[in-house]
Amino acid sequence: MFRRPSIPAVAAVDVAEDAYLLDVREDDEWTAGHAPGAVHVPMMQVPARIDDIPEDRDVVVVCRVGGRSAQVVAFLQQNGRDRTINLDGGMQSWAAAGRPMVSEDGGAPRVL
């Protein structure tokens, strides 16, 4: 009966090497493992930091499995950020696709 707006998504294997990756996970998730070059802005900080997010290029938003990032994409699009895209399957699909990861704690990168 009611349809949710369609959220654009991209598969991990299709994310360009130079893509702007916005990681909206919590601090412990970020520390455990993230994509190199990603920018960390926890989901709840996005409204206050919206001006830090580029408008002039595609922004791929990522979380653990894609739910939180889809909400952030919807929020950004409602606020005029049309070039935002959800990472389908989140960091779990990123890791499963063999995409590079780094950690901030000195351990092997992992997805929490």
PDB file of N, CA and C in Angstrom:
ATOM      1  N   MET A   1       0.819  -1.180   0.000  1.00  0.00           N
ATOM      2  CA  MET A   1       0.000   0.000   0.000  1.00  0.00           C
ATOM      3  C   MET A   1       0.872   1.257   0.000  1.00  0.00           C
ATOM      4  N   PHE A   2       1.759   1.381   1.012  1.00  0.00           N
ATOM      5  CA  PHE A   2       2.674   2.514   1.052  1.00  0.00           C
ATOM      6  C   PHE A   2       4.035   2.043   0.571  1.00  0.00           C
ATOM      7  N   ARG A   3       4.644   2.845  -0.279  1.00  0.00           N
ATOM      8  CA  ARG A   3       5.955   2.474  -0.812  1.00  0.00           C
ATOM      9  C   ARG A   3       7.011   3.396  -0.234  1.00  0.00           C
ATOM     10  N   ARG A   4       8.115   2.811   0.159  1.00  0.00           N
ATOM     11  CA  ARG A   4       9.239   3.602   0.624  1.00  0.00           C
ATOM     12  C   ARG A   4       9.960   4.153  -0.594  1.00  0.00           C
ATOM     13  N   PRO A   5      10.517   5.340  -0.470  1.00  0.00           N
ATOM     14  CA  PRO A   5      11.273   5.862  -1.600  1.00  0.00           C
ATOM     15  C   PRO A   5      12.449   4.943  -1.904  1.00  0.00           C
ATOM     16  N   SER A   6      12.757   4.828  -3.163  1.00  0.00           N
ATOM     17  CA  SER A   6      13.857   3.974  -3.584  1.00  0.00           C
ATOM     18  C   SER A   6      15.188   4.614  -3.199  1.00  0.00           C
ATOM     19  N   ILE A   7      16.031   3.833  -2.573  1.00  0.00           N
ATOM     20  CA  ILE A   7      17.361   4.299  -2.168  1.00  0.00           C
ATOM     21  C   ILE A   7      18.362   3.746  -3.175  1.00  0.00           C
ATOM     22  N   PRO A   8      19.113   4.613  -3.851  1.00  0.00           N
ATOM     23  CA  PRO A   8      20.106   4.105  -4.796  1.00  0.00           C
ATOM     24  C   PRO A   8      21.198   3.334  -4.051  1.00  0.00           C
ATOM     25  N   ALA A   9      21.643   2.260  -4.655  1.00  0.00           N
ATOM     26  CA  ALA A   9      22.649   1.409  -4.015  1.00  0.00           C
ATOM     27  C   ALA A   9      23.684   0.976  -5.038  1.00  0.00           C
ATOM     28  N   VAL A  10      24.859   0.628  -4.522  1.00  0.00           N
ATOM     29  CA  VAL A  10      25.953   0.139  -5.346  1.00  0.00           C
ATOM     30  C   VAL A  10      26.556  -1.081  -4.655  1.00  0.00           C
ATOM     31  N   ALA A  11      26.938  -2.075  -5.441  1.00  0.00           N
ATOM     32  CA  ALA A  11      27.603  -3.257  -4.902  1.00  0.00           C
ATOM     33  C   ALA A  11      29.054  -2.928  -4.575  1.00  0.00           C
ATOM     34  N   ALA A  12      29.597  -3.603  -3.582  1.00  0.00           N
ATOM     35  CA  ALA A  12      30.977  -3.353  -3.152  1.00  0.00           C
ATOM     36  C   ALA A  12      31.966  -3.474  -4.309  1.00  0.00           C
ATOM     37  N   VAL A  13      31.745  -4.437  -5.187  1.00  0.00           N
ATOM     38  CA  VAL A  13      32.686  -4.643  -6.302  1.00  0.00           C
ATOM     39  C   VAL A  13      32.638  -3.512  -7.313  1.00  0.00           C
ATOM     40  N   ASP A  14      31.570  -2.707  -7.286  1.00  0.00           N
ATOM     41  CA  ASP A  14      31.409  -1.628  -8.260  1.00  0.00           C
ATOM     42  C   ASP A  14      31.791  -0.246  -7.730  1.00  0.00           C
ATOM     43  N   VAL A  15      32.255  -0.164  -6.486  1.00  0.00           N
ATOM     44  CA  VAL A  15      32.648   1.124  -5.919  1.00  0.00           C
ATOM     45  C   VAL A  15      34.012   1.511  -6.490  1.00  0.00           C
ATOM     46  N   ALA A  16      34.085   2.702  -7.049  1.00  0.00           N
ATOM     47  CA  ALA A  16      35.333   3.176  -7.645  1.00  0.00           C
ATOM     48  C   ALA A  16      36.408   3.358  -6.576  1.00  0.00           C
ATOM     49  N   GLU A  17      37.657   3.150  -6.973  1.00  0.00           N
ATOM     50  CA  GLU A  17      38.788   3.291  -6.054  1.00  0.00           C
ATOM     51  C   GLU A  17      38.837   4.674  -5.418  1.00  0.00           C
ATOM     52  N   ASP A  18      38.438   5.710  -6.150  1.00  0.00           N
ATOM     53  CA  ASP A  18      38.528   7.079  -5.648  1.00  0.00           C
ATOM     54  C   ASP A  18      37.198   7.602  -5.103  1.00  0.00           C
ATOM     55  N   ALA A  19      36.262   6.708  -4.820  1.00  0.00           N
ATOM     56  CA  ALA A  19      34.956   7.119  -4.308  1.00  0.00           C
ATOM     57  C   ALA A  19      35.088   7.762  -2.927  1.00  0.00           C
ATOM     58  N   TYR A  20      34.205   8.703  -2.640  1.00  0.00           N
ATOM     59  CA  TYR A  20      34.126   9.286  -1.303  1.00  0.00           C
ATOM     60  C   TYR A  20      33.258   8.354  -0.474  1.00  0.00           C
ATOM     61  N   LEU A  21      33.873   7.642   0.461  1.00  0.00           N
ATOM     62  CA  LEU A  21      33.154   6.693   1.309  1.00  0.00           C
ATOM     63  C   LEU A  21      32.872   7.348   2.652  1.00  0.00           C
ATOM     64  N   LEU A  22      31.608   7.423   3.003  1.00  0.00           N
ATOM     65  CA  LEU A  22      31.178   7.981   4.275  1.00  0.00           C
ATOM     66  C   LEU A  22      30.753   6.827   5.173  1.00  0.00           C
ATOM     67  N   ASP A  23      31.561   6.526   6.184  1.00  0.00           N
ATOM     68  CA  ASP A  23      31.298   5.416   7.095  1.00  0.00           C
ATOM     69  C   ASP A  23      30.535   5.960   8.296  1.00  0.00           C
ATOM     70  N   VAL A  24      29.297   5.496   8.483  1.00  0.00           N
ATOM     71  CA  VAL A  24      28.425   6.032   9.530  1.00  0.00           C
ATOM     72  C   VAL A  24      28.293   5.098  10.734  1.00  0.00           C
ATOM     73  N   ARG A  25      29.207   4.144  10.852  1.00  0.00           N
ATOM     74  CA  ARG A  25      29.160   3.209  11.978  1.00  0.00           C
ATOM     75  C   ARG A  25      29.681   3.862  13.260  1.00  0.00           C
ATOM     76  N   GLU A  26      29.530   3.156  14.355  1.00  0.00           N
ATOM     77  CA  GLU A  26      29.992   3.644  15.655  1.00  0.00           C
ATOM     78  C   GLU A  26      31.521   3.512  15.760  1.00  0.00           C
ATOM     79  N   ASP A  27      32.076   4.183  16.770  1.00  0.00           N
ATOM     80  CA  ASP A  27      33.531   4.244  16.917  1.00  0.00           C
ATOM     81  C   ASP A  27      34.188   2.869  16.989  1.00  0.00           C
ATOM     82  N   ASP A  28      33.612   1.939  17.761  1.00  0.00           N
ATOM     83  CA  ASP A  28      34.224   0.616  17.897  1.00  0.00           C
ATOM     84  C   ASP A  28      34.218  -0.147  16.578  1.00  0.00           C
ATOM     85  N   GLU A  29      33.167   0.025  15.784  1.00  0.00           N
ATOM     86  CA  GLU A  29      33.097  -0.633  14.480  1.00  0.00           C
ATOM     87  C   GLU A  29      34.163  -0.065  13.542  1.00  0.00           C
ATOM     88  N   TRP A  30      34.307   1.259  13.549  1.00  0.00           N
ATOM     89  CA  TRP A  30      35.314   1.933  12.726  1.00  0.00           C
ATOM     90  C   TRP A  30      36.718   1.471  13.106  1.00  0.00           C
ATOM     91  N   THR A  31      37.002   1.434  14.407  1.00  0.00           N
ATOM     92  CA  THR A  31      38.322   1.057  14.893  1.00  0.00           C
ATOM     93  C   THR A  31      38.683  -0.353  14.470  1.00  0.00           C
ATOM     94  N   ALA A  32      37.719  -1.254  14.490  1.00  0.00           N
ATOM     95  CA  ALA A  32      37.975  -2.659  14.143  1.00  0.00           C
ATOM     96  C   ALA A  32      38.337  -2.840  12.676  1.00  0.00           C
ATOM     97  N   GLY A  33      37.725  -2.070  11.795  1.00  0.00           N
ATOM     98  CA  GLY A  33      38.045  -2.210  10.377  1.00  0.00           C
ATOM     99  C   GLY A  33      37.176  -1.330   9.506  1.00  0.00           C
ATOM    100  N   HIS A  34      37.833  -0.688   8.539  1.00  0.00           N
ATOM    101  CA  HIS A  34      37.124   0.177   7.605  1.00  0.00           C
ATOM    102  C   HIS A  34      37.888   0.246   6.299  1.00  0.00           C
ATOM    103  N   ALA A  35      37.257   0.801   5.303  1.00  0.00           N
ATOM    104  CA  ALA A  35      37.899   0.963   4.001  1.00  0.00           C
ATOM    105  C   ALA A  35      38.960   2.053   4.095  1.00  0.00           C
ATOM    106  N   PRO A  36      40.115   1.848   3.460  1.00  0.00           N
ATOM    107  CA  PRO A  36      41.122   2.898   3.457  1.00  0.00           C
ATOM    108  C   PRO A  36      40.571   4.155   2.796  1.00  0.00           C
ATOM    109  N   GLY A  37      40.859   5.294   3.386  1.00  0.00           N
ATOM    110  CA  GLY A  37      40.407   6.554   2.813  1.00  0.00           C
ATOM    111  C   GLY A  37      38.979   6.925   3.141  1.00  0.00           C
ATOM    112  N   ALA A  38      38.244   6.044   3.819  1.00  0.00           N
ATOM    113  CA  ALA A  38      36.871   6.368   4.210  1.00  0.00           C
ATOM    114  C   ALA A  38      36.886   7.491   5.240  1.00  0.00           C
ATOM    115  N   VAL A  39      35.773   8.216   5.311  1.00  0.00           N
ATOM    116  CA  VAL A  39      35.602   9.294   6.283  1.00  0.00           C
ATOM    117  C   VAL A  39      34.584   8.822   7.313  1.00  0.00           C
ATOM    118  N   HIS A  40      34.948   8.952   8.589  1.00  0.00           N
ATOM    119  CA  HIS A  40      34.088   8.457   9.658  1.00  0.00           C
ATOM    120  C   HIS A  40      33.244   9.583  10.249  1.00  0.00           C
ATOM    121  N   VAL A  41      31.938   9.460  10.095  1.00  0.00           N
ATOM    122  CA  VAL A  41      30.976  10.360  10.735  1.00  0.00           C
ATOM    123  C   VAL A  41      29.859   9.461  11.256  1.00  0.00           C
ATOM    124  N   PRO A  42      29.858   9.144  12.562  1.00  0.00           N
ATOM    125  CA  PRO A  42      28.796   8.286  13.089  1.00  0.00           C
ATOM    126  C   PRO A  42      27.410   8.819  12.721  1.00  0.00           C
ATOM    127  N   MET A  43      26.492   7.900  12.486  1.00  0.00           N
ATOM    128  CA  MET A  43      25.158   8.220  11.993  1.00  0.00           C
ATOM    129  C   MET A  43      24.498   9.382  12.739  1.00  0.00           C
ATOM    130  N   MET A  44      24.558   9.382  14.046  1.00  0.00           N
ATOM    131  CA  MET A  44      23.868  10.402  14.831  1.00  0.00           C
ATOM    132  C   MET A  44      24.521  11.776  14.715  1.00  0.00           C
ATOM    133  N   GLN A  45      25.749  11.833  14.176  1.00  0.00           N
ATOM    134  CA  GLN A  45      26.434  13.115  13.994  1.00  0.00           C
ATOM    135  C   GLN A  45      26.210  13.704  12.601  1.00  0.00           C
ATOM    136  N   VAL A  46      25.637  12.928  11.700  1.00  0.00           N
ATOM    137  CA  VAL A  46      25.464  13.388  10.318  1.00  0.00           C
ATOM    138  C   VAL A  46      24.675  14.698  10.235  1.00  0.00           C
ATOM    139  N   PRO A  47      23.539  14.852  10.924  1.00  0.00           N
ATOM    140  CA  PRO A  47      22.815  16.123  10.794  1.00  0.00           C
ATOM    141  C   PRO A  47      23.663  17.342  11.172  1.00  0.00           C
ATOM    142  N   ALA A  48      24.447  17.221  12.228  1.00  0.00           N
ATOM    143  CA  ALA A  48      25.270  18.349  12.675  1.00  0.00           C
ATOM    144  C   ALA A  48      26.478  18.578  11.773  1.00  0.00           C
ATOM    145  N   ARG A  49      26.884  17.542  11.050  1.00  0.00           N
ATOM    146  CA  ARG A  49      28.093  17.647  10.218  1.00  0.00           C
ATOM    147  C   ARG A  49      27.786  17.578   8.723  1.00  0.00           C
ATOM    148  N   ILE A  50      26.547  17.843   8.353  1.00  0.00           N
ATOM    149  CA  ILE A  50      26.145  17.725   6.949  1.00  0.00           C
ATOM    150  C   ILE A  50      27.012  18.595   6.030  1.00  0.00           C
ATOM    151  N   ASP A  51      27.472  19.730   6.527  1.00  0.00           N
ATOM    152  CA  ASP A  51      28.292  20.609   5.694  1.00  0.00           C
ATOM    153  C   ASP A  51      29.674  20.029   5.412  1.00  0.00           C
ATOM    154  N   ASP A  52      30.088  18.999   6.169  1.00  0.00           N
ATOM    155  CA  ASP A  52      31.367  18.325   5.931  1.00  0.00           C
ATOM    156  C   ASP A  52      31.279  17.319   4.783  1.00  0.00           C
ATOM    157  N   ILE A  53      30.066  17.021   4.344  1.00  0.00           N
ATOM    158  CA  ILE A  53      29.847  15.997   3.314  1.00  0.00           C
ATOM    159  C   ILE A  53      29.779  16.684   1.955  1.00  0.00           C
ATOM    160  N   PRO A  54      30.621  16.268   1.011  1.00  0.00           N
ATOM    161  CA  PRO A  54      30.660  16.957  -0.286  1.00  0.00           C
ATOM    162  C   PRO A  54      29.343  16.871  -1.051  1.00  0.00           C
ATOM    163  N   GLU A  55      29.059  17.936  -1.774  1.00  0.00           N
ATOM    164  CA  GLU A  55      27.878  17.979  -2.632  1.00  0.00           C
ATOM    165  C   GLU A  55      28.247  17.828  -4.097  1.00  0.00           C
ATOM    166  N   ASP A  56      29.519  17.996  -4.410  1.00  0.00           N
ATOM    167  CA  ASP A  56      29.964  18.066  -5.807  1.00  0.00           C
ATOM    168  C   ASP A  56      30.485  16.738  -6.347  1.00  0.00           C
ATOM    169  N   ARG A  57      30.274  15.656  -5.604  1.00  0.00           N
ATOM    170  CA  ARG A  57      30.702  14.334  -6.076  1.00  0.00           C
ATOM    171  C   ARG A  57      29.840  13.258  -5.440  1.00  0.00           C
ATOM    172  N   ASP A  58      29.913  12.068  -5.998  1.00  0.00           N
ATOM    173  CA  ASP A  58      29.161  10.949  -5.445  1.00  0.00           C
ATOM    174  C   ASP A  58      29.702  10.595  -4.066  1.00  0.00           C
ATOM    175  N   VAL A  59      28.797  10.304  -3.155  1.00  0.00           N
ATOM    176  CA  VAL A  59      29.139   9.895  -1.799  1.00  0.00           C
ATOM    177  C   VAL A  59      28.515   8.522  -1.572  1.00  0.00           C
ATOM    178  N   VAL A  60      29.353   7.526  -1.288  1.00  0.00           N
ATOM    179  CA  VAL A  60      28.880   6.177  -0.991  1.00  0.00           C
ATOM    180  C   VAL A  60      28.839   6.048   0.526  1.00  0.00           C
ATOM    181  N   VAL A  61      27.647   5.796   1.072  1.00  0.00           N
ATOM    182  CA  VAL A  61      27.452   5.721   2.516  1.00  0.00           C
ATOM    183  C   VAL A  61      27.470   4.252   2.928  1.00  0.00           C
ATOM    184  N   VAL A  62      28.217   3.961   4.010  1.00  0.00           N
ATOM    185  CA  VAL A  62      28.409   2.574   4.423  1.00  0.00           C
ATOM    186  C   VAL A  62      28.202   2.409   5.923  1.00  0.00           C
ATOM    187  N   CYS A  63      27.601   1.266   6.283  1.00  0.00           N
ATOM    188  CA  CYS A  63      27.502   0.851   7.685  1.00  0.00           C
ATOM    189  C   CYS A  63      27.858  -0.642   7.717  1.00  0.00           C
ATOM    190  N   ARG A  64      27.356  -1.391   8.659  1.00  0.00           N
ATOM    191  CA  ARG A  64      27.708  -2.810   8.760  1.00  0.00           C
ATOM    192  C   ARG A  64      27.031  -3.652   7.679  1.00  0.00           C
ATOM    193  N   VAL A  65      25.695  -3.508   7.546  1.00  0.00           N
ATOM    194  CA  VAL A  65      24.972  -4.331   6.579  1.00  0.00           C
ATOM    195  C   VAL A  65      24.121  -3.539   5.593  1.00  0.00           C
ATOM    196  N   GLY A  66      24.031  -2.227   5.777  1.00  0.00           N
ATOM    197  CA  GLY A  66      23.307  -1.394   4.821  1.00  0.00           C
ATOM    198  C   GLY A  66      22.049  -0.730   5.331  1.00  0.00           C
ATOM    199  N   GLY A  67      21.607  -1.043   6.539  1.00  0.00           N
ATOM    200  CA  GLY A  67      20.384  -0.455   7.072  1.00  0.00           C
ATOM    201  C   GLY A  67      20.552   0.976   7.540  1.00  0.00           C
ATOM    202  N   ARG A  68      21.547   1.197   8.404  1.00  0.00           N
ATOM    203  CA  ARG A  68      21.784   2.562   8.887  1.00  0.00           C
ATOM    204  C   ARG A  68      22.191   3.474   7.748  1.00  0.00           C
ATOM    205  N   SER A  69      23.044   2.962   6.862  1.00  0.00           N
ATOM    206  CA  SER A  69      23.499   3.798   5.747  1.00  0.00           C
ATOM    207  C   SER A  69      22.342   4.157   4.823  1.00  0.00           C
ATOM    208  N   ALA A  70      21.378   3.263   4.644  1.00  0.00           N
ATOM    209  CA  ALA A  70      20.197   3.587   3.826  1.00  0.00           C
ATOM    210  C   ALA A  70      19.414   4.730   4.459  1.00  0.00           C
ATOM    211  N   GLN A  71      19.296   4.724   5.785  1.00  0.00           N
ATOM    212  CA  GLN A  71      18.615   5.816   6.473  1.00  0.00           C
ATOM    213  C   GLN A  71      19.359   7.136   6.281  1.00  0.00           C
ATOM    214  N   VAL A  72      20.687   7.083   6.325  1.00  0.00           N
ATOM    215  CA  VAL A  72      21.489   8.289   6.133  1.00  0.00           C
ATOM    216  C   VAL A  72      21.345   8.793   4.695  1.00  0.00           C
ATOM    217  N   VAL A  73      21.352   7.876   3.722  1.00  0.00           N
ATOM    218  CA  VAL A  73      21.159   8.279   2.322  1.00  0.00           C
ATOM    219  C   VAL A  73      19.807   8.982   2.179  1.00  0.00           C
ATOM    220  N   ALA A  74      18.761   8.410   2.764  1.00  0.00           N
ATOM    221  CA  ALA A  74      17.432   9.029   2.681  1.00  0.00           C
ATOM    222  C   ALA A  74      17.451  10.424   3.302  1.00  0.00           C
ATOM    223  N   PHE A  75      18.078  10.562   4.463  1.00  0.00           N
ATOM    224  CA  PHE A  75      18.175  11.862   5.125  1.00  0.00           C
ATOM    225  C   PHE A  75      18.932  12.859   4.246  1.00  0.00           C
ATOM    226  N   LEU A  76      20.066  12.450   3.714  1.00  0.00           N
ATOM    227  CA  LEU A  76      20.871  13.354   2.889  1.00  0.00           C
ATOM    228  C   LEU A  76      20.111  13.768   1.631  1.00  0.00           C
ATOM    229  N   GLN A  77      19.418  12.826   1.013  1.00  0.00           N
ATOM    230  CA  GLN A  77      18.665  13.162  -0.185  1.00  0.00           C
ATOM    231  C   GLN A  77      17.520  14.124   0.138  1.00  0.00           C
ATOM    232  N   GLN A  78      16.880  13.945   1.283  1.00  0.00           N
ATOM    233  CA  GLN A  78      15.815  14.861   1.698  1.00  0.00           C
ATOM    234  C   GLN A  78      16.362  16.267   1.949  1.00  0.00           C
ATOM    235  N   ASN A  79      17.677  16.355   2.159  1.00  0.00           N
ATOM    236  CA  ASN A  79      18.325  17.633   2.405  1.00  0.00           C
ATOM    237  C   ASN A  79      19.134  18.100   1.200  1.00  0.00           C
ATOM    238  N   GLY A  80      18.701  17.654   0.014  1.00  0.00           N
ATOM    239  CA  GLY A  80      19.283  18.142  -1.229  1.00  0.00           C
ATOM    240  C   GLY A  80      20.572  17.503  -1.671  1.00  0.00           C
ATOM    241  N   ARG A  81      20.995  16.443  -1.007  1.00  0.00           N
ATOM    242  CA  ARG A  81      22.234  15.754  -1.389  1.00  0.00           C
ATOM    243  C   ARG A  81      21.875  14.584  -2.303  1.00  0.00           C
ATOM    244  N   ASP A  82      21.670  14.904  -3.576  1.00  0.00           N
ATOM    245  CA  ASP A  82      21.194  13.905  -4.539  1.00  0.00           C
ATOM    246  C   ASP A  82      22.243  12.881  -4.936  1.00  0.00           C
ATOM    247  N   ARG A  83      23.504  13.178  -4.705  1.00  0.00           N
ATOM    248  CA  ARG A  83      24.572  12.287  -5.161  1.00  0.00           C
ATOM    249  C   ARG A  83      25.040  11.338  -4.060  1.00  0.00           C
ATOM    250  N   THR A  84      24.100  10.844  -3.266  1.00  0.00           N
ATOM    251  CA  THR A  84      24.415   9.883  -2.213  1.00  0.00           C
ATOM    252  C   THR A  84      23.885   8.514  -2.593  1.00  0.00           C
ATOM    253  N   ILE A  85      24.675   7.494  -2.287  1.00  0.00           N
ATOM    254  CA  ILE A  85      24.394   6.122  -2.703  1.00  0.00           C
ATOM    255  C   ILE A  85      24.691   5.196  -1.523  1.00  0.00           C
ATOM    256  N   ASN A  86      23.851   4.214  -1.304  1.00  0.00           N
ATOM    257  CA  ASN A  86      24.049   3.243  -0.236  1.00  0.00           C
ATOM    258  C   ASN A  86      24.960   2.114  -0.709  1.00  0.00           C
ATOM    259  N   LEU A  87      25.890   1.689   0.164  1.00  0.00           N
ATOM    260  CA  LEU A  87      26.700   0.507  -0.144  1.00  0.00           C
ATOM    261  C   LEU A  87      25.868  -0.718   0.190  1.00  0.00           C
ATOM    262  N   ASP A  88      25.426  -1.440  -0.834  1.00  0.00           N
ATOM    263  CA  ASP A  88      24.583  -2.614  -0.671  1.00  0.00           C
ATOM    264  C   ASP A  88      25.317  -3.678   0.139  1.00  0.00           C
ATOM    265  N   GLY A  89      24.746  -4.068   1.282  1.00  0.00           N
ATOM    266  CA  GLY A  89      25.358  -5.096   2.118  1.00  0.00           C
ATOM    267  C   GLY A  89      26.408  -4.571   3.072  1.00  0.00           C
ATOM    268  N   GLY A  90      26.686  -3.284   3.015  1.00  0.00           N
ATOM    269  CA  GLY A  90      27.599  -2.650   3.960  1.00  0.00           C
ATOM    270  C   GLY A  90      29.002  -3.229   3.981  1.00  0.00           C
ATOM    271  N   MET A  91      29.661  -3.045   5.129  1.00  0.00           N
ATOM    272  CA  MET A  91      31.047  -3.520   5.270  1.00  0.00           C
ATOM    273  C   MET A  91      31.128  -5.036   5.202  1.00  0.00           C
ATOM    274  N   GLN A  92      30.040  -5.724   5.516  1.00  0.00           N
ATOM    275  CA  GLN A  92      30.074  -7.181   5.380  1.00  0.00           C
ATOM    276  C   GLN A  92      30.275  -7.566   3.921  1.00  0.00           C
ATOM    277  N   SER A  93      29.578  -6.903   3.009  1.00  0.00           N
ATOM    278  CA  SER A  93      29.762  -7.231   1.595  1.00  0.00           C
ATOM    279  C   SER A  93      31.102  -6.710   1.088  1.00  0.00           C
ATOM    280  N   TRP A  94      31.563  -5.584   1.627  1.00  0.00           N
ATOM    281  CA  TRP A  94      32.878  -5.039   1.272  1.00  0.00           C
ATOM    282  C   TRP A  94      33.969  -6.076   1.589  1.00  0.00           C
ATOM    283  N   ALA A  95      33.932  -6.602   2.807  1.00  0.00           N
ATOM    284  CA  ALA A  95      34.919  -7.604   3.224  1.00  0.00           C
ATOM    285  C   ALA A  95      34.780  -8.882   2.408  1.00  0.00           C
ATOM    286  N   ALA A  96      33.553  -9.338   2.192  1.00  0.00           N
ATOM    287  CA  ALA A  96      33.318 -10.566   1.431  1.00  0.00           C
ATOM    288  C   ALA A  96      33.804 -10.447  -0.009  1.00  0.00           C
ATOM    289  N   ALA A  97      33.781  -9.225  -0.549  1.00  0.00           N
ATOM    290  CA  ALA A  97      34.243  -8.998  -1.919  1.00  0.00           C
ATOM    291  C   ALA A  97      35.766  -8.882  -1.996  1.00  0.00           C
ATOM    292  N   GLY A  98      36.436  -8.958  -0.846  1.00  0.00           N
ATOM    293  CA  GLY A  98      37.891  -8.879  -0.830  1.00  0.00           C
ATOM    294  C   GLY A  98      38.427  -7.466  -1.009  1.00  0.00           C
ATOM    295  N   ARG A  99      37.575  -6.472  -0.771  1.00  0.00           N
ATOM    296  CA  ARG A  99      38.022  -5.078  -0.880  1.00  0.00           C
ATOM    297  C   ARG A  99      38.971  -4.767   0.279  1.00  0.00           C
ATOM    298  N   PRO A 100      39.895  -3.833   0.086  1.00  0.00           N
ATOM    299  CA  PRO A 100      40.880  -3.553   1.135  1.00  0.00           C
ATOM    300  C   PRO A 100      40.249  -2.969   2.394  1.00  0.00           C
ATOM    301  N   MET A 101      40.855  -3.311   3.529  1.00  0.00           N
ATOM    302  CA  MET A 101      40.414  -2.805   4.823  1.00  0.00           C
ATOM    303  C   MET A 101      41.631  -2.519   5.686  1.00  0.00           C
ATOM    304  N   VAL A 102      41.477  -1.579   6.606  1.00  0.00           N
ATOM    305  CA  VAL A 102      42.498  -1.256   7.600  1.00  0.00           C
ATOM    306  C   VAL A 102      41.818  -1.175   8.962  1.00  0.00           C
ATOM    307  N   SER A 103      42.619  -1.309  10.009  1.00  0.00           N
ATOM    308  CA  SER A 103      42.065  -1.147  11.355  1.00  0.00           C
ATOM    309  C   SER A 103      42.833  -0.036  12.059  1.00  0.00           C
ATOM    310  N   GLU A 104      42.264   0.452  13.120  1.00  0.00           N
ATOM    311  CA  GLU A 104      42.886   1.521  13.908  1.00  0.00           C
ATOM    312  C   GLU A 104      43.468   0.979  15.213  1.00  0.00           C
ATOM    313  N   ASP A 105      43.315  -0.319  15.472  1.00  0.00           N
ATOM    314  CA  ASP A 105      43.765  -0.874  16.748  1.00  0.00           C
ATOM    315  C   ASP A 105      44.985  -1.781  16.621  1.00  0.00           C
ATOM    316  N   GLY A 106      45.591  -1.823  15.445  1.00  0.00           N
ATOM    317  CA  GLY A 106      46.792  -2.638  15.257  1.00  0.00           C
ATOM    318  C   GLY A 106      46.509  -4.092  14.954  1.00  0.00           C
ATOM    319  N   GLY A 107      45.270  -4.515  15.079  1.00  0.00           N
ATOM    320  CA  GLY A 107      44.906  -5.890  14.783  1.00  0.00           C
ATOM    321  C   GLY A 107      44.509  -6.058  13.321  1.00  0.00           C
ATOM    322  N   ALA A 108      44.224  -7.295  12.951  1.00  0.00           N
ATOM    323  CA  ALA A 108      43.742  -7.557  11.591  1.00  0.00           C
ATOM    324  C   ALA A 108      42.382  -6.886  11.429  1.00  0.00           C
ATOM    325  N   PRO A 109      42.150  -6.210  10.283  1.00  0.00           N
ATOM    326  CA  PRO A 109      40.861  -5.556  10.091  1.00  0.00           C
ATOM    327  C   PRO A 109      39.721  -6.565  10.095  1.00  0.00           C
ATOM    328  N   ARG A 110      38.626  -6.175  10.712  1.00  0.00           N
ATOM    329  CA  ARG A 110      37.463  -7.048  10.807  1.00  0.00           C
ATOM    330  C   ARG A 110      36.196  -6.194  10.867  1.00  0.00           C
ATOM    331  N   VAL A 111      35.073  -6.813  10.550  1.00  0.00           N
ATOM    332  CA  VAL A 111      33.787  -6.122  10.586  1.00  0.00           C
ATOM    333  C   VAL A 111      33.067  -6.534  11.855  1.00  0.00           C
ATOM    334  N   LEU A 112      32.733  -5.544  12.683  1.00  0.00           N
ATOM    335  CA  LEU A 112      31.950  -5.814  13.901  1.00  0.00           C
ATOM    336  C   LEU A 112      30.485  -5.619  13.611  1.00  0.00           C
TER     337      LEU A 112
END
